[in-house]
N, C-alpha and C. Protein backbone atom coordinates (compact mmCIF):
# COMPACT_ATOMS: atom_id res chain seq x y z
N UNK A 1 -147.03 169.88 -75.92
CA UNK A 1 -145.91 169.38 -76.46
C UNK A 1 -144.54 170.53 -76.12
N UNK A 2 -143.40 170.72 -76.49
CA UNK A 2 -142.30 171.42 -76.33
C UNK A 2 -142.13 171.94 -77.04
N UNK A 3 -140.89 172.75 -77.72
CA UNK A 3 -140.41 173.32 -78.09
C UNK A 3 -138.94 173.77 -77.43
N UNK A 4 -137.97 172.95 -77.89
CA UNK A 4 -136.32 173.90 -76.75
C UNK A 4 -135.53 173.92 -78.25
N UNK A 5 -134.20 174.80 -78.11
CA UNK A 5 -133.83 175.08 -78.51
C UNK A 5 -132.36 175.99 -77.55
N UNK A 6 -131.19 175.85 -78.72
CA UNK A 6 -129.98 176.43 -78.18
C UNK A 6 -129.98 177.94 -78.77
N UNK A 7 -129.14 178.96 -77.84
CA UNK A 7 -129.23 180.26 -78.77
C UNK A 7 -127.50 179.91 -78.37
N UNK A 8 -126.90 179.92 -79.43
CA UNK A 8 -125.00 180.55 -78.65
C UNK A 8 -124.34 181.26 -79.52
N UNK A 9 -124.11 181.95 -78.51
CA UNK A 9 -123.16 183.63 -79.30
C UNK A 9 -122.08 183.28 -79.75
N UNK A 10 -122.27 183.63 -80.47
CA UNK A 10 -120.38 183.40 -81.37
C UNK A 10 -120.12 185.26 -81.76
N UNK A 11 -118.29 185.18 -82.46
CA UNK A 11 -117.91 186.26 -82.78
C UNK A 11 -119.36 187.01 -83.97
N UNK A 12 -119.77 186.00 -85.33
CA UNK A 12 -120.09 186.14 -86.05
C UNK A 12 -122.83 186.30 -85.42
N UNK A 13 -122.31 186.72 -83.87
CA UNK A 13 -123.97 186.75 -84.14
C UNK A 13 -124.31 185.37 -82.93
N UNK A 14 -125.55 185.21 -82.88
CA UNK A 14 -126.11 184.41 -82.70
C UNK A 14 -126.42 182.70 -83.37
N UNK A 15 -125.59 181.78 -83.06
CA UNK A 15 -126.18 180.50 -83.59
C UNK A 15 -127.64 179.60 -83.03
N UNK A 16 -128.62 178.97 -84.07
CA UNK A 16 -129.77 178.59 -82.77
C UNK A 16 -129.17 176.87 -83.62
N UNK A 17 -129.88 175.93 -82.65
CA UNK A 17 -129.71 175.01 -82.70
C UNK A 17 -131.30 174.92 -82.31
N UNK A 18 -131.43 173.30 -82.41
CA UNK A 18 -133.00 172.62 -81.88
C UNK A 18 -132.79 171.40 -81.05
N UNK A 19 -132.97 171.31 -80.50
CA UNK A 19 -132.75 170.89 -78.69
C UNK A 19 -133.52 169.67 -78.64
N UNK A 20 -132.98 168.73 -78.68
CA UNK A 20 -134.00 167.31 -78.61
C UNK A 20 -133.42 166.77 -76.76
N UNK A 21 -135.08 167.54 -75.91
CA UNK A 21 -134.39 167.28 -74.45
C UNK A 21 -135.04 165.61 -73.92
N UNK A 22 -135.34 164.93 -74.89
CA UNK A 22 -135.69 163.42 -74.69
C UNK A 22 -134.09 163.02 -73.37
N UNK A 23 -133.20 163.32 -73.69
CA UNK A 23 -132.43 162.65 -72.66
C UNK A 23 -131.40 163.62 -71.98
N UNK A 24 -132.47 164.67 -71.79
CA UNK A 24 -132.56 165.69 -70.56
C UNK A 24 -132.79 164.83 -68.91
N UNK A 25 -132.43 164.63 -67.83
CA UNK A 25 -132.93 164.28 -66.37
C UNK A 25 -133.33 165.70 -65.81
N UNK A 26 -131.62 166.00 -66.08
CA UNK A 26 -131.76 167.06 -65.24
C UNK A 26 -130.86 168.18 -65.11
N UNK A 27 -130.91 169.09 -64.96
CA UNK A 27 -130.34 170.92 -65.26
C UNK A 27 -129.33 170.51 -65.32
N UNK A 28 -128.96 169.35 -64.24
CA UNK A 28 -126.54 169.55 -65.05
C UNK A 28 -126.53 168.84 -66.58
N UNK A 29 -127.84 167.60 -66.88
CA UNK A 29 -128.01 167.61 -68.05
C UNK A 29 -128.14 168.41 -69.33
N UNK A 30 -129.22 169.56 -68.83
CA UNK A 30 -128.95 170.64 -69.98
C UNK A 30 -128.13 171.81 -69.90
N UNK A 31 -127.52 171.55 -68.60
CA UNK A 31 -126.85 172.71 -68.61
C UNK A 31 -125.32 172.56 -69.48
N UNK A 32 -124.76 170.76 -69.37
CA UNK A 32 -123.95 170.11 -70.42
C UNK A 32 -124.22 170.30 -71.99
N UNK A 33 -125.49 170.03 -72.18
CA UNK A 33 -125.62 170.57 -73.68
C UNK A 33 -125.71 171.89 -74.26
N UNK A 34 -125.86 172.64 -73.51
CA UNK A 34 -125.54 174.27 -73.30
C UNK A 34 -123.59 174.55 -73.96
N UNK A 35 -122.94 173.93 -72.79
CA UNK A 35 -121.94 174.36 -72.85
C UNK A 35 -121.25 173.60 -74.18
N UNK A 36 -121.34 172.28 -74.62
CA UNK A 36 -121.77 171.60 -75.48
C UNK A 36 -121.48 172.71 -76.75
N UNK A 37 -123.07 173.38 -77.28
CA UNK A 37 -122.93 174.24 -77.63
C UNK A 37 -121.97 175.93 -78.18
N UNK A 38 -121.37 176.15 -77.16
CA UNK A 38 -121.15 177.12 -76.54
C UNK A 38 -119.49 177.62 -77.73
N UNK A 39 -119.20 178.28 -78.12
CA UNK A 39 -118.31 179.09 -78.87
C UNK A 39 -117.15 179.42 -77.84
N UNK A 40 -116.06 178.84 -77.26
CA UNK A 40 -115.05 179.77 -76.47
C UNK A 40 -115.61 179.90 -75.18
N UNK A 41 -116.70 179.05 -74.44
CA UNK A 41 -117.30 179.75 -73.38
C UNK A 41 -117.93 180.81 -73.10
N UNK A 42 -118.51 181.31 -74.22
CA UNK A 42 -119.82 182.20 -74.39
C UNK A 42 -120.95 182.04 -74.25
N UNK A 43 -121.62 182.98 -74.36
CA UNK A 43 -123.18 182.49 -73.60
C UNK A 43 -123.70 181.80 -74.24
N UNK A 44 -124.69 180.78 -73.54
CA UNK A 44 -125.56 179.87 -74.62
C UNK A 44 -126.70 180.27 -73.84
N UNK A 45 -127.93 179.90 -74.33
CA UNK A 45 -129.40 180.56 -73.87
C UNK A 45 -130.41 179.27 -74.14
N UNK A 46 -130.40 178.66 -73.00
CA UNK A 46 -131.14 177.43 -73.49
C UNK A 46 -132.57 177.56 -72.91
N UNK A 47 -133.40 177.58 -74.40
CA UNK A 47 -134.94 177.83 -74.34
C UNK A 47 -135.95 177.25 -74.46
N UNK A 48 -137.07 176.89 -73.44
CA UNK A 48 -137.65 176.08 -73.58
C UNK A 48 -138.78 176.14 -73.39
N UNK A 49 -139.96 175.67 -74.46
CA UNK A 49 -141.74 176.22 -74.05
C UNK A 49 -142.83 175.82 -74.08
N UNK A 50 -143.71 175.86 -73.70
CA UNK A 50 -144.63 174.56 -73.71
C UNK A 50 -145.62 175.13 -74.15
N UNK A 51 -146.48 175.06 -75.21
CA UNK A 51 -147.22 175.50 -75.85
C UNK A 51 -148.32 176.55 -75.89
N UNK A 52 -147.30 177.91 -75.83
CA UNK A 52 -147.55 178.99 -74.88
C UNK A 52 -148.14 179.37 -73.03
N UNK A 53 -148.32 177.85 -72.72
CA UNK A 53 -148.28 178.23 -71.17
C UNK A 53 -146.97 178.38 -70.45
N UNK A 54 -146.38 178.05 -70.41
CA UNK A 54 -145.47 178.44 -69.89
C UNK A 54 -144.07 178.78 -70.80
N UNK A 55 -142.86 179.43 -70.07
CA UNK A 55 -141.28 179.58 -71.06
C UNK A 55 -140.21 179.29 -69.99
N UNK A 56 -139.38 179.00 -70.22
CA UNK A 56 -138.18 178.79 -69.20
C UNK A 56 -136.98 179.45 -70.44
N UNK A 57 -136.08 179.86 -69.20
CA UNK A 57 -134.81 180.20 -70.37
C UNK A 57 -133.58 179.95 -69.51
N UNK A 58 -132.76 179.04 -69.68
CA UNK A 58 -130.93 178.79 -68.44
C UNK A 58 -130.14 179.95 -69.65
N UNK A 59 -129.82 180.70 -68.97
CA UNK A 59 -128.37 180.94 -69.11
C UNK A 59 -127.40 180.42 -68.65
N UNK A 60 -126.31 179.79 -69.46
CA UNK A 60 -124.91 179.82 -69.44
C UNK A 60 -124.04 180.19 -69.88
N UNK A 61 -122.91 180.31 -68.96
CA UNK A 61 -121.94 181.51 -69.33
C UNK A 61 -120.84 180.99 -68.87
N UNK A 62 -119.98 179.87 -70.13
CA UNK A 62 -118.71 179.21 -69.24
C UNK A 62 -119.11 178.58 -68.31
N UNK A 63 -118.60 178.44 -67.08
CA UNK A 63 -118.09 177.88 -66.36
C UNK A 63 -118.93 178.08 -64.91
N UNK A 64 -119.70 179.56 -64.99
CA UNK A 64 -120.34 180.12 -64.06
C UNK A 64 -121.54 179.09 -63.95
N UNK A 65 -121.96 179.15 -62.57
CA UNK A 65 -123.41 178.49 -62.60
C UNK A 65 -124.44 179.34 -63.37
N UNK A 66 -125.24 178.20 -63.83
CA UNK A 66 -126.63 178.76 -64.27
C UNK A 66 -127.56 179.13 -63.94
N UNK A 67 -127.86 180.26 -64.76
CA UNK A 67 -129.06 181.37 -64.09
C UNK A 67 -130.19 180.98 -65.02
N UNK A 68 -131.40 180.78 -64.59
CA UNK A 68 -132.78 180.45 -64.60
C UNK A 68 -133.88 181.12 -64.25
N UNK A 69 -134.66 181.55 -65.60
CA UNK A 69 -135.92 181.99 -65.00
C UNK A 69 -136.87 181.08 -65.83
N UNK A 70 -137.89 181.46 -65.30
CA UNK A 70 -139.84 180.66 -65.96
C UNK A 70 -140.39 181.80 -65.81
N UNK A 71 -141.58 181.57 -66.47
CA UNK A 71 -142.48 182.76 -66.64
C UNK A 71 -143.98 182.30 -65.70
N UNK A 72 -144.13 180.75 -65.43
CA UNK A 72 -144.91 180.79 -64.73
C UNK A 72 -144.35 179.03 -63.32
N UNK A 73 -144.03 179.53 -62.69
CA UNK A 73 -143.10 178.47 -61.32
C UNK A 73 -145.17 177.10 -61.47
N UNK A 74 -145.72 177.74 -61.15
CA UNK A 74 -146.92 176.71 -61.00
C UNK A 74 -147.32 175.92 -62.09
N UNK A 75 -147.40 176.07 -63.75
CA UNK A 75 -148.05 175.39 -64.35
C UNK A 75 -146.59 175.08 -64.80
N UNK A 76 -145.34 175.28 -64.71
CA UNK A 76 -144.22 174.97 -65.38
C UNK A 76 -144.31 173.84 -64.56
N UNK A 77 -144.46 173.49 -63.32
CA UNK A 77 -144.25 172.81 -62.26
C UNK A 77 -144.84 171.47 -62.78
N UNK A 78 -146.25 171.83 -63.53
CA UNK A 78 -146.51 170.31 -63.37
C UNK A 78 -146.25 169.41 -64.97
N UNK A 79 -145.20 170.03 -65.54
CA UNK A 79 -144.50 169.30 -66.72
C UNK A 79 -142.70 169.20 -66.35
N UNK A 80 -142.65 167.83 -66.45
CA UNK A 80 -141.51 167.23 -66.26
C UNK A 80 -139.99 168.14 -66.46
N UNK A 81 -140.50 168.85 -68.02
CA UNK A 81 -138.27 169.66 -67.43
C UNK A 81 -138.86 170.90 -67.17
N UNK A 82 -140.38 171.75 -66.91
CA UNK A 82 -140.84 172.53 -65.78
C UNK A 82 -140.38 172.04 -64.93
N UNK A 83 -140.93 171.59 -64.14
CA UNK A 83 -140.34 170.87 -63.40
C UNK A 83 -138.96 170.68 -62.42
N UNK A 84 -138.08 170.46 -63.36
CA UNK A 84 -136.78 170.14 -63.21
C UNK A 84 -136.07 171.59 -62.74
N UNK A 85 -136.86 172.33 -63.63
CA UNK A 85 -136.39 174.53 -63.54
C UNK A 85 -136.76 175.12 -62.00
N UNK A 86 -137.79 174.24 -62.07
CA UNK A 86 -139.17 174.97 -60.98
C UNK A 86 -138.33 174.10 -58.95
N UNK A 87 -138.19 173.27 -59.22
CA UNK A 87 -137.03 172.23 -58.17
C UNK A 87 -136.02 172.65 -57.70
N UNK A 88 -134.94 173.41 -58.99
CA UNK A 88 -134.00 174.20 -58.86
C UNK A 88 -133.61 175.75 -58.30
N UNK A 89 -135.08 175.83 -58.52
CA UNK A 89 -134.94 177.44 -58.06
C UNK A 89 -135.44 177.96 -56.47
N UNK A 90 -136.30 176.29 -56.00
CA UNK A 90 -137.23 176.78 -55.09
C UNK A 90 -136.19 175.75 -53.83
N UNK A 91 -135.74 174.55 -54.47
CA UNK A 91 -134.55 173.85 -54.00
C UNK A 91 -135.30 172.57 -53.28
N UNK A 92 -135.90 172.58 -53.78
CA UNK A 92 -136.59 170.62 -53.65
C UNK A 92 -135.94 170.17 -53.81
N UNK A 93 -135.80 168.62 -53.48
CA UNK A 93 -135.14 167.62 -53.42
C UNK A 93 -135.61 166.48 -54.81
N UNK A 94 -135.25 166.07 -54.45
CA UNK A 94 -135.43 164.34 -55.21
C UNK A 94 -136.42 163.65 -55.19
N UNK A 95 -136.69 164.02 -53.71
CA UNK A 95 -137.72 163.07 -53.18
C UNK A 95 -139.06 162.92 -53.90
N UNK A 96 -139.38 163.98 -54.43
CA UNK A 96 -140.89 164.09 -55.63
C UNK A 96 -140.27 163.46 -56.64
N UNK A 97 -139.33 162.41 -56.69
CA UNK A 97 -139.39 162.07 -57.89
C UNK A 97 -140.30 160.95 -58.53
N UNK A 98 -140.75 160.63 -57.71
CA UNK A 98 -141.85 159.41 -58.06
C UNK A 98 -143.25 160.08 -58.07
N UNK A 99 -143.33 161.79 -57.57
CA UNK A 99 -143.94 162.69 -58.17
C UNK A 99 -144.37 162.84 -60.06
N UNK A 100 -142.76 163.01 -60.01
CA UNK A 100 -142.21 163.70 -61.48
C UNK A 100 -142.66 162.21 -62.59
N UNK A 101 -141.99 161.00 -61.72
CA UNK A 101 -142.70 160.02 -62.94
C UNK A 101 -144.28 159.77 -63.25
N UNK A 102 -145.12 160.07 -62.39
CA UNK A 102 -146.18 160.56 -63.04
C UNK A 102 -146.79 161.54 -64.23
N UNK A 103 -145.56 162.11 -64.18
CA UNK A 103 -146.31 163.06 -65.41
C UNK A 103 -146.15 162.59 -66.23
N UNK A 104 -146.88 162.84 -67.40
CA UNK A 104 -146.57 162.70 -68.93
C UNK A 104 -145.70 163.72 -70.12
N UNK A 105 -145.00 163.75 -70.65
CA UNK A 105 -143.97 164.50 -71.44
C UNK A 105 -144.82 165.84 -72.29
N UNK A 106 -146.19 165.78 -72.52
CA UNK A 106 -146.60 166.67 -72.87
C UNK A 106 -146.94 167.72 -72.16
N UNK A 107 -147.00 167.36 -70.52
CA UNK A 107 -146.87 168.59 -69.50
C UNK A 107 -148.80 167.67 -68.81
N UNK A 108 -149.40 166.92 -68.85
CA UNK A 108 -150.52 166.99 -68.29
C UNK A 108 -150.12 165.57 -67.29
N UNK A 109 -151.08 165.45 -66.08
CA UNK A 109 -150.53 164.52 -65.01
C UNK A 109 -151.61 163.69 -64.64
N UNK A 110 -151.09 162.37 -65.43
CA UNK A 110 -152.79 161.29 -65.37
C UNK A 110 -152.70 160.87 -63.44
N UNK A 111 -153.99 160.48 -63.50
CA UNK A 111 -154.47 160.57 -62.09
C UNK A 111 -154.61 161.14 -60.81
N UNK A 112 -154.74 162.58 -60.85
CA UNK A 112 -154.76 163.77 -59.91
C UNK A 112 -155.24 163.65 -59.27
N UNK A 113 -154.83 163.67 -58.13
CA UNK A 113 -155.46 163.29 -56.64
C UNK A 113 -156.29 164.73 -56.40
N UNK A 114 -157.14 164.37 -55.83
CA UNK A 114 -158.78 165.54 -55.31
C UNK A 114 -157.53 166.38 -54.04
N UNK A 115 -157.41 167.35 -53.78
CA UNK A 115 -156.95 167.98 -52.96
C UNK A 115 -157.59 167.35 -51.31
N UNK A 116 -156.74 167.39 -49.98
CA UNK A 116 -157.34 166.67 -48.84
C UNK A 116 -158.10 168.20 -48.36
N UNK A 117 -159.33 168.05 -47.66
CA UNK A 117 -159.97 169.37 -46.80
C UNK A 117 -159.35 169.42 -45.76
N UNK A 118 -158.56 168.41 -45.86
CA UNK A 118 -157.57 168.91 -44.46
C UNK A 118 -156.80 169.70 -44.15
N UNK A 119 -156.10 169.71 -45.57
CA UNK A 119 -154.44 170.18 -46.08
C UNK A 119 -154.64 171.48 -45.41
N UNK A 120 -153.90 171.88 -45.23
CA UNK A 120 -153.84 173.51 -44.43
C UNK A 120 -153.24 173.86 -46.11
N UNK A 121 -154.16 175.32 -46.12
CA UNK A 121 -153.91 176.09 -47.46
C UNK A 121 -152.58 176.22 -47.89
N UNK A 122 -152.31 176.20 -48.51
CA UNK A 122 -150.94 176.30 -49.60
C UNK A 122 -149.68 175.74 -49.24
N UNK A 123 -149.98 174.36 -48.50
CA UNK A 123 -149.31 173.07 -48.44
C UNK A 123 -149.56 172.03 -49.42
N UNK A 124 -149.00 171.80 -50.13
CA UNK A 124 -148.96 170.33 -50.16
C UNK A 124 -148.85 169.21 -49.70
N UNK A 125 -149.73 168.28 -50.30
CA UNK A 125 -150.28 166.56 -49.22
C UNK A 125 -148.59 166.57 -48.67
N UNK A 126 -147.26 166.58 -49.28
CA UNK A 126 -146.00 166.23 -48.90
C UNK A 126 -145.64 166.76 -48.38
N UNK A 127 -146.16 168.20 -47.57
CA UNK A 127 -145.64 169.43 -46.57
C UNK A 127 -144.84 170.14 -47.14
N UNK A 128 -144.47 170.33 -48.74
CA UNK A 128 -143.70 170.98 -49.73
C UNK A 128 -145.33 172.65 -49.57
N UNK A 129 -144.26 173.61 -49.60
CA UNK A 129 -144.55 174.71 -50.42
C UNK A 129 -145.03 173.91 -51.97
N UNK A 130 -146.11 174.77 -52.29
CA UNK A 130 -146.81 174.45 -53.89
C UNK A 130 -145.43 175.80 -54.46
N UNK A 131 -145.07 175.69 -56.01
CA UNK A 131 -144.78 176.20 -56.52
C UNK A 131 -145.36 177.92 -56.70
N UNK A 132 -145.12 179.03 -56.59
CA UNK A 132 -145.44 180.26 -56.81
C UNK A 132 -146.39 179.70 -58.18
N UNK A 133 -147.82 180.95 -58.35
CA UNK A 133 -148.18 180.94 -59.46
C UNK A 133 -147.20 182.74 -59.94
N UNK A 134 -147.09 182.32 -60.90
CA UNK A 134 -146.21 183.79 -62.05
C UNK A 134 -144.32 183.37 -62.10
N UNK A 135 -144.28 184.04 -62.17
CA UNK A 135 -142.23 184.05 -62.09
C UNK A 135 -141.77 183.66 -61.39
N UNK A 136 -140.81 183.02 -61.49
CA UNK A 136 -140.00 182.38 -60.45
C UNK A 136 -138.45 182.89 -61.40
N UNK A 137 -137.12 182.88 -60.59
CA UNK A 137 -136.13 183.43 -60.84
C UNK A 137 -135.89 184.64 -61.54
N UNK A 138 -134.35 184.14 -61.72
CA UNK A 138 -133.35 185.78 -62.06
C UNK A 138 -134.39 186.51 -63.80
N UNK A 139 -134.83 187.42 -62.51
CA UNK A 139 -135.65 188.00 -64.10
C UNK A 139 -134.66 189.09 -64.37
N UNK A 140 -133.40 189.05 -64.57
CA UNK A 140 -132.54 189.83 -64.68
C UNK A 140 -131.10 189.24 -65.93
N UNK A 141 -131.90 187.68 -65.91
CA UNK A 141 -130.68 187.36 -67.03
C UNK A 141 -130.16 187.49 -68.42
N UNK A 142 -130.94 188.16 -69.05
CA UNK A 142 -130.86 188.73 -70.33
C UNK A 142 -130.94 190.49 -70.44
N UNK A 143 -130.95 191.25 -69.18
CA UNK A 143 -130.58 192.45 -68.86
C UNK A 143 -129.08 192.56 -70.15
N UNK A 144 -127.54 192.66 -69.95
CA UNK A 144 -127.14 193.33 -70.27
C UNK A 144 -127.20 192.10 -71.99
N UNK A 145 -128.31 191.66 -72.55
CA UNK A 145 -128.70 191.43 -73.96
C UNK A 145 -129.35 192.22 -74.64
N UNK A 146 -130.09 193.00 -73.95
CA UNK A 146 -131.23 194.40 -74.51
C UNK A 146 -132.51 193.76 -73.69
N UNK A 147 -132.53 193.15 -73.30
CA UNK A 147 -134.10 192.16 -73.11
C UNK A 147 -134.08 192.47 -71.04
N UNK A 148 -134.74 193.37 -71.08
CA UNK A 148 -135.22 193.52 -69.24
C UNK A 148 -135.85 193.09 -68.90
N UNK A 149 -135.33 193.51 -67.35
CA UNK A 149 -136.69 192.58 -66.79
C UNK A 149 -137.66 192.79 -66.42
N UNK A 150 -138.59 193.93 -67.00
CA UNK A 150 -139.69 194.61 -67.26
C UNK A 150 -140.50 193.71 -68.47
N UNK A 151 -139.55 193.93 -68.93
CA UNK A 151 -140.12 193.33 -70.68
C UNK A 151 -139.88 191.54 -70.05
N UNK A 152 -139.08 190.95 -69.77
CA UNK A 152 -139.02 189.36 -69.52
C UNK A 152 -140.20 188.95 -68.94
N UNK A 153 -140.61 190.23 -68.05
CA UNK A 153 -141.67 189.40 -67.03
C UNK A 153 -143.15 190.18 -67.98
N UNK A 154 -143.29 190.52 -68.12
CA UNK A 154 -144.29 191.05 -69.21
C UNK A 154 -145.29 189.87 -70.54
N UNK A 155 -143.66 189.61 -70.90
CA UNK A 155 -143.79 188.80 -72.04
C UNK A 155 -144.71 187.41 -72.19
N UNK A 156 -145.85 187.22 -72.24
CA UNK A 156 -146.48 186.14 -73.49
C UNK A 156 -146.74 185.61 -74.29
N UNK A 157 -147.25 184.48 -74.15
CA UNK A 157 -147.78 184.01 -76.23
C UNK A 157 -146.45 183.38 -76.75
N UNK A 158 -145.66 183.64 -77.68
CA UNK A 158 -144.37 183.78 -77.81
C UNK A 158 -143.19 184.16 -77.68
N UNK A 159 -143.28 184.32 -76.66
CA UNK A 159 -142.15 184.34 -75.99
C UNK A 159 -140.93 184.47 -75.64
N UNK A 160 -141.09 182.94 -77.09
CA UNK A 160 -138.92 183.06 -77.11
C UNK A 160 -138.89 183.68 -78.34
N UNK A 161 -139.97 183.70 -79.17
CA UNK A 161 -139.49 184.68 -80.32
C UNK A 161 -139.17 185.99 -80.15
N UNK A 162 -139.78 186.61 -79.16
CA UNK A 162 -139.75 188.13 -78.52
C UNK A 162 -138.71 187.76 -78.03
N UNK A 163 -137.76 187.23 -77.21
CA UNK A 163 -136.56 187.44 -77.19
C UNK A 163 -135.42 187.07 -77.70
N UNK A 164 -136.02 186.02 -79.10
CA UNK A 164 -135.15 186.23 -80.86
C UNK A 164 -135.28 187.57 -80.73
N UNK A 165 -135.89 187.92 -80.98
CA UNK A 165 -136.56 189.07 -81.30
C UNK A 165 -135.19 190.57 -81.21
N UNK A 166 -135.77 190.95 -79.87
CA UNK A 166 -134.24 191.59 -79.31
C UNK A 166 -133.05 191.01 -78.97
N UNK A 167 -132.69 190.01 -79.58
CA UNK A 167 -131.20 189.74 -79.39
C UNK A 167 -130.46 189.79 -81.11
N UNK A 168 -131.78 189.99 -82.11
CA UNK A 168 -131.22 190.07 -83.05
C UNK A 168 -131.28 188.62 -83.85
N UNK A 169 -132.36 187.88 -83.50
CA UNK A 169 -131.47 186.56 -84.44
C UNK A 169 -133.30 185.49 -84.41
N UNK A 170 -134.16 186.44 -84.57
CA UNK A 170 -135.53 185.65 -85.32
C UNK A 170 -135.40 184.79 -86.06
N UNK A 171 -134.54 184.48 -87.36
CA UNK A 171 -134.62 184.13 -88.43
C UNK A 171 -133.91 182.89 -88.15
N UNK A 172 -133.13 183.34 -87.10
CA UNK A 172 -132.50 181.74 -86.62
C UNK A 172 -133.04 180.76 -86.12
N UNK A 173 -133.89 181.47 -84.94
CA UNK A 173 -134.10 180.58 -83.79
C UNK A 173 -135.62 180.05 -85.01
N UNK A 174 -136.25 180.69 -85.32
CA UNK A 174 -137.74 180.19 -86.33
C UNK A 174 -137.05 179.39 -87.74
N UNK A 175 -135.61 179.27 -87.92
CA UNK A 175 -135.43 178.35 -88.81
C UNK A 175 -135.21 176.81 -88.49
N UNK A 176 -134.97 176.43 -86.81
CA UNK A 176 -135.20 175.43 -85.83
C UNK A 176 -136.00 175.24 -85.19
N UNK A 177 -137.29 175.74 -85.87
CA UNK A 177 -138.16 175.49 -84.79
C UNK A 177 -139.25 174.88 -85.51
């Protein structure tokens, strides 16, 4: 099960809104949602988590390129929305779309093939490197907002609440949860 929310910075602080990801198929779709929530091209954070397995943060500042952080790339790559973020960070092409179609929205994969013993260690059957275990992306994307890289890298469990707490908007995030 996913939880996704947008935190938009305004003159009065942070505004939170629940975000449906049903129509989000690409990072561009997610960034467009974030920009729609922005007040005067201010910062918007798209927060996504999957049941304490992994979390992702996409930061959108006006028309700048989005900045992305994923807490565990290997786990995230097993889910549709996480794979979207990991693919962007690793530069993977859309030629893996068939594989993504086999992913259920709850983050599980049906009919996962057994690894081939002849495959080189660390190289997937399609010839691409598997995503790394652990964090991936820009761990400094929240530094100017009060969350250091070290803090972000150490977050586990309910990390989105920890981020909201650091931003001073826990009650607003919890209201949309």
